[in-house]
C-alpha atoms as a PDB file:
ATOM      1  CA  MET A   1       0.000   0.000   0.000  1.00  0.00           C
ATOM      2  CA  GLY A   2       1.075   3.580  -0.644  1.00  0.00           C
ATOM      3  CA  LYS A   3       2.100   6.068   1.997  1.00  0.00           C
ATOM      4  CA  ARG A   4      -0.675   7.989   3.614  1.00  0.00           C
ATOM      5  CA  CYS A   5      -0.226  11.643   4.413  1.00  0.00           C
ATOM      6  CA  ARG A   6      -0.682  12.402   8.099  1.00  0.00           C
ATOM      7  CA  GLU A   7      -1.039  16.159   7.595  1.00  0.00           C
ATOM      8  CA  PRO A   8      -4.422  17.804   8.063  1.00  0.00           C
ATOM      9  CA  ALA A   9      -6.405  18.270   4.841  1.00  0.00           C
ATOM     10  CA  GLU A  10      -6.128  22.066   5.008  1.00  0.00           C
ATOM     11  CA  THR A  11      -2.306  21.900   4.943  1.00  0.00           C
ATOM     12  CA  ARG A  12      -2.177  19.290   2.164  1.00  0.00           C
ATOM     13  CA  CYS A  13      -4.486  21.293  -0.103  1.00  0.00           C
ATOM     14  CA  SER A  14      -2.485  24.474   0.243  1.00  0.00           C
ATOM     15  CA  ARG A  15       0.751  22.713  -0.826  1.00  0.00           C
ATOM     16  CA  ARG A  16      -0.589  21.144  -4.035  1.00  0.00           C
ATOM     17  CA  ARG A  17       1.032  21.844  -7.365  1.00  0.00           C
ATOM     18  CA  PRO A  18      -0.835  24.264  -9.623  1.00  0.00           C
ATOM     19  CA  THR A  19      -3.101  22.483 -12.084  1.00  0.00           C
ATOM     20  CA  ALA A  20      -4.083  23.599 -15.565  1.00  0.00           C
ATOM     21  CA  LEU A  21      -6.255  26.277 -14.005  1.00  0.00           C
ATOM     22  CA  GLY A  22      -3.652  27.064 -11.368  1.00  0.00           C
ATOM     23  CA  GLN A  23      -4.361  28.464  -7.958  1.00  0.00           C
ATOM     24  CA  GLY A  24      -7.233  30.858  -7.584  1.00  0.00           C
ATOM     25  CA  GLY A  25      -8.734  29.799 -10.935  1.00  0.00           C
ATOM     26  CA  LYS A  26      -5.986  31.518 -12.969  1.00  0.00           C
ATOM     27  CA  LEU A  27      -4.377  29.748 -15.901  1.00  0.00           C
ATOM     28  CA  GLY A  28      -1.117  28.255 -14.655  1.00  0.00           C
ATOM     29  CA  VAL A  29       1.722  26.209 -16.078  1.00  0.00           C
ATOM     30  CA  ASP A  30       3.567  23.445 -14.322  1.00  0.00           C
ATOM     31  CA  ARG A  31       7.056  24.791 -15.003  1.00  0.00           C
ATOM     32  CA  ALA A  32       8.649  21.459 -14.133  1.00  0.00           C
ATOM     33  CA  ALA A  33       6.830  19.827 -17.063  1.00  0.00           C
ATOM     34  CA  VAL A  34       7.910  22.382 -19.704  1.00  0.00           C
ATOM     35  CA  PRO A  35      11.346  20.825 -20.513  1.00  0.00           C
ATOM     36  CA  ALA A  36       9.745  17.386 -20.861  1.00  0.00           C
ATOM     37  CA  VAL A  37       7.103  18.743 -23.244  1.00  0.00           C
ATOM     38  CA  LEU A  38       9.709  20.575 -25.324  1.00  0.00           C
ATOM     39  CA  ALA A  39      11.864  17.445 -25.475  1.00  0.00           C
ATOM     40  CA  HIS A  40       8.833  15.574 -26.806  1.00  0.00           C
ATOM     41  CA  PHE A  41       8.544  17.974 -29.779  1.00  0.00           C
ATOM     42  CA  GLN A  42      12.282  18.221 -30.517  1.00  0.00           C
ATOM     43  CA  PRO A  43      12.407  15.278 -32.984  1.00  0.00           C
ATOM     44  CA  THR A  44       9.416  16.715 -34.843  1.00  0.00           C
ATOM     45  CA  ALA A  45      11.053  20.128 -35.042  1.00  0.00           C
ATOM     46  CA  GLU A  46      14.281  18.591 -36.330  1.00  0.00           C
ATOM     47  CA  CYS A  47      12.392  16.642 -39.009  1.00  0.00           C
ATOM     48  CA  LEU A  48      10.541  19.788 -40.061  1.00  0.00           C
ATOM     49  CA  GLU A  49      13.812  21.684 -40.265  1.00  0.00           C
ATOM     50  CA  LEU A  50      15.355  18.983 -42.470  1.00  0.00           C
ATOM     51  CA  PHE A  51      12.268  18.914 -44.705  1.00  0.00           C
ATOM     52  CA  VAL A  52      12.298  22.693 -45.222  1.00  0.00           C
ATOM     53  CA  GLN A  53      16.034  22.555 -45.911  1.00  0.00           C
ATOM     54  CA  TYR A  54      15.512  19.799 -48.518  1.00  0.00           C
ATOM     55  CA  LEU A  55      12.617  21.701 -50.146  1.00  0.00           C
ATOM     56  CA  ALA A  56      14.699  24.880 -50.356  1.00  0.00           C
ATOM     57  CA  THR A  57      17.771  23.072 -51.728  1.00  0.00           C
ATOM     58  CA  TYR A  58      15.728  21.143 -54.312  1.00  0.00           C
ATOM     59  CA  SER A  59      13.888  24.305 -55.401  1.00  0.00           C
ATOM     60  CA  TYR A  60      17.126  26.256 -55.659  1.00  0.00           C
ATOM     61  CA  ARG A  61      18.835  23.592 -57.771  1.00  0.00           C
ATOM     62  CA  HIS A  62      15.892  22.930 -60.093  1.00  0.00           C
ATOM     63  CA  GLY A  63      14.648  26.512 -60.379  1.00  0.00           C
ATOM     64  CA  SER A  64      16.064  29.772 -61.592  1.00  0.00           C
ATOM     65  CA  GLY A  65      17.725  30.369 -58.221  1.00  0.00           C
ATOM     66  CA  LYS A  66      21.162  29.291 -59.393  1.00  0.00           C
ATOM     67  CA  GLU A  67      21.215  31.962 -62.080  1.00  0.00           C
ATOM     68  CA  ARG A  68      20.162  34.725 -59.686  1.00  0.00           C
ATOM     69  CA  LYS A  69      21.869  33.215 -56.642  1.00  0.00           C
ATOM     70  CA  ALA A  70      18.590  33.570 -54.754  1.00  0.00           C
ATOM     71  CA  LEU A  71      15.637  31.367 -53.898  1.00  0.00           C
ATOM     72  CA  THR A  72      12.324  32.887 -54.911  1.00  0.00           C
ATOM     73  CA  TYR A  73       8.691  32.072 -54.242  1.00  0.00           C
ATOM     74  CA  SER A  74       8.238  31.105 -57.884  1.00  0.00           C
ATOM     75  CA  ASP A  75      11.004  28.485 -57.496  1.00  0.00           C
ATOM     76  CA  LEU A  76       9.124  26.974 -54.548  1.00  0.00           C
ATOM     77  CA  SER A  77       5.751  27.034 -56.312  1.00  0.00           C
ATOM     78  CA  ASN A  78       7.238  25.466 -59.465  1.00  0.00           C
ATOM     79  CA  THR A  79       8.772  22.703 -57.358  1.00  0.00           C
ATOM     80  CA  ALA A  80       5.434  22.040 -55.651  1.00  0.00           C
ATOM     81  CA  GLU A  81       3.658  21.866 -59.005  1.00  0.00           C
ATOM     82  CA  GLU A  82       6.187  19.883 -61.032  1.00  0.00           C
ATOM     83  CA  SER A  83       7.823  17.526 -58.530  1.00  0.00           C
ATOM     84  CA  GLU A  84       5.907  14.405 -57.584  1.00  0.00           C
ATOM     85  CA  THR A  85       7.564  14.403 -54.157  1.00  0.00           C
ATOM     86  CA  PHE A  86       6.261  17.871 -53.290  1.00  0.00           C
ATOM     87  CA  GLN A  87       2.911  17.619 -55.084  1.00  0.00           C
ATOM     88  CA  PHE A  88       1.034  17.801 -51.768  1.00  0.00           C
ATOM     89  CA  LEU A  89       2.275  21.401 -51.366  1.00  0.00           C
ATOM     90  CA  ALA A  90       0.642  22.612 -54.586  1.00  0.00           C
ATOM     91  CA  ASP A  91      -2.360  24.073 -52.735  1.00  0.00           C
ATOM     92  CA  ILE A  92      -0.139  25.712 -50.132  1.00  0.00           C
ATOM     93  CA  LEU A  93       2.344  27.180 -52.633  1.00  0.00           C
ATOM     94  CA  PRO A  94       0.218  28.158 -55.644  1.00  0.00           C
ATOM     95  CA  LYS A  95       1.695  30.029 -58.566  1.00  0.00           C
ATOM     96  CA  LYS A  96       1.279  33.770 -58.359  1.00  0.00           C
ATOM     97  CA  ILE A  97      -1.215  35.355 -60.717  1.00  0.00           C
ATOM     98  CA  LEU A  98      -2.369  38.922 -61.095  1.00  0.00           C
ATOM     99  CA  ALA A  99      -5.602  39.884 -59.391  1.00  0.00           C
ATOM    100  CA  SER A 100      -7.066  40.934 -62.748  1.00  0.00           C
ATOM    101  CA  LYS A 101      -6.402  37.464 -64.195  1.00  0.00           C
ATOM    102  CA  TYR A 102      -7.940  35.824 -61.127  1.00  0.00           C
ATOM    103  CA  LEU A 103     -11.077  37.980 -61.365  1.00  0.00           C
ATOM    104  CA  LYS A 104     -11.356  37.178 -65.077  1.00  0.00           C
ATOM    105  CA  MET A 105     -11.070  33.442 -64.301  1.00  0.00           C
ATOM    106  CA  LEU A 106     -13.784  33.755 -61.629  1.00  0.00           C
ATOM    107  CA  LYS A 107     -16.107  35.555 -64.052  1.00  0.00           C
ATOM    108  CA  GLU A 108     -15.559  32.897 -66.730  1.00  0.00           C
ATOM    109  CA  LYS A 109     -16.249  30.140 -64.202  1.00  0.00           C
ATOM    110  CA  ARG A 110     -19.466  31.846 -63.056  1.00  0.00           C
ATOM    111  CA  ASP A 111     -20.590  32.244 -66.654  1.00  0.00           C
ATOM    112  CA  GLU A 112     -19.877  28.555 -67.281  1.00  0.00           C
ATOM    113  CA  ASP A 113     -21.787  27.534 -64.169  1.00  0.00           C
ATOM    114  CA  GLU A 114     -24.758  29.709 -65.147  1.00  0.00           C
ATOM    115  CA  GLU A 115     -24.810  28.154 -68.619  1.00  0.00           C
ATOM    116  CA  ASN A 116     -24.688  24.656 -67.133  1.00  0.00           C
ATOM    117  CA  ASP A 117     -27.449  25.532 -64.662  1.00  0.00           C
ATOM    118  CA  SER A 118     -29.653  26.967 -67.400  1.00  0.00           C
ATOM    119  CA  ASP A 119     -29.051  23.871 -69.573  1.00  0.00           C
ATOM    120  CA  ASP A 120     -29.918  21.586 -66.658  1.00  0.00           C
ATOM    121  CA  GLY A 121     -33.006  23.640 -65.832  1.00  0.00           C
ATOM    122  CA  SER A 122     -34.399  23.451 -69.357  1.00  0.00           C
ATOM    123  CA  ASP A 123     -33.963  19.664 -69.417  1.00  0.00           C
ATOM    124  CA  GLY A 124     -35.855  19.376 -66.158  1.00  0.00           C
ATOM    125  CA  ASP A 125     -38.789  21.411 -67.554  1.00  0.00           C
ATOM    126  CA  GLU A 126     -39.013  19.211 -70.647  1.00  0.00           C
ATOM    127  CA  ALA A 127     -38.971  16.051 -68.548  1.00  0.00           C
ATOM    128  CA  GLU A 128     -41.946  17.277 -66.490  1.00  0.00           C
ATOM    129  CA  SER A 129     -44.093  17.947 -69.611  1.00  0.00           C
END
């Protein structure tokens, strides 16, 4: 069996460690646990650092960075679009387009959708007749 505390309850309660809410209902942090938590995330941080380093190196070598001696956003977005390894980043690193081109694309898409909706609507009316 474990040791039992022989102190009165009032004394024991006042010497407890702060919990997530801390003493007095305030948000508190168990400072003794911080190094352990940080050590838990260290391997993840190191892996992320290596991944970003590999992405930057690959983009620099396969992009126009060598010519300019600089890594640009377009190098990263081209890598994400063209490389099978980095394909999952295509939505995160899209190619830059001008706002005017984007608005034109949106208008064309809306027009297409309206045409498709009107075509679908006319078929539905004929089917009811």
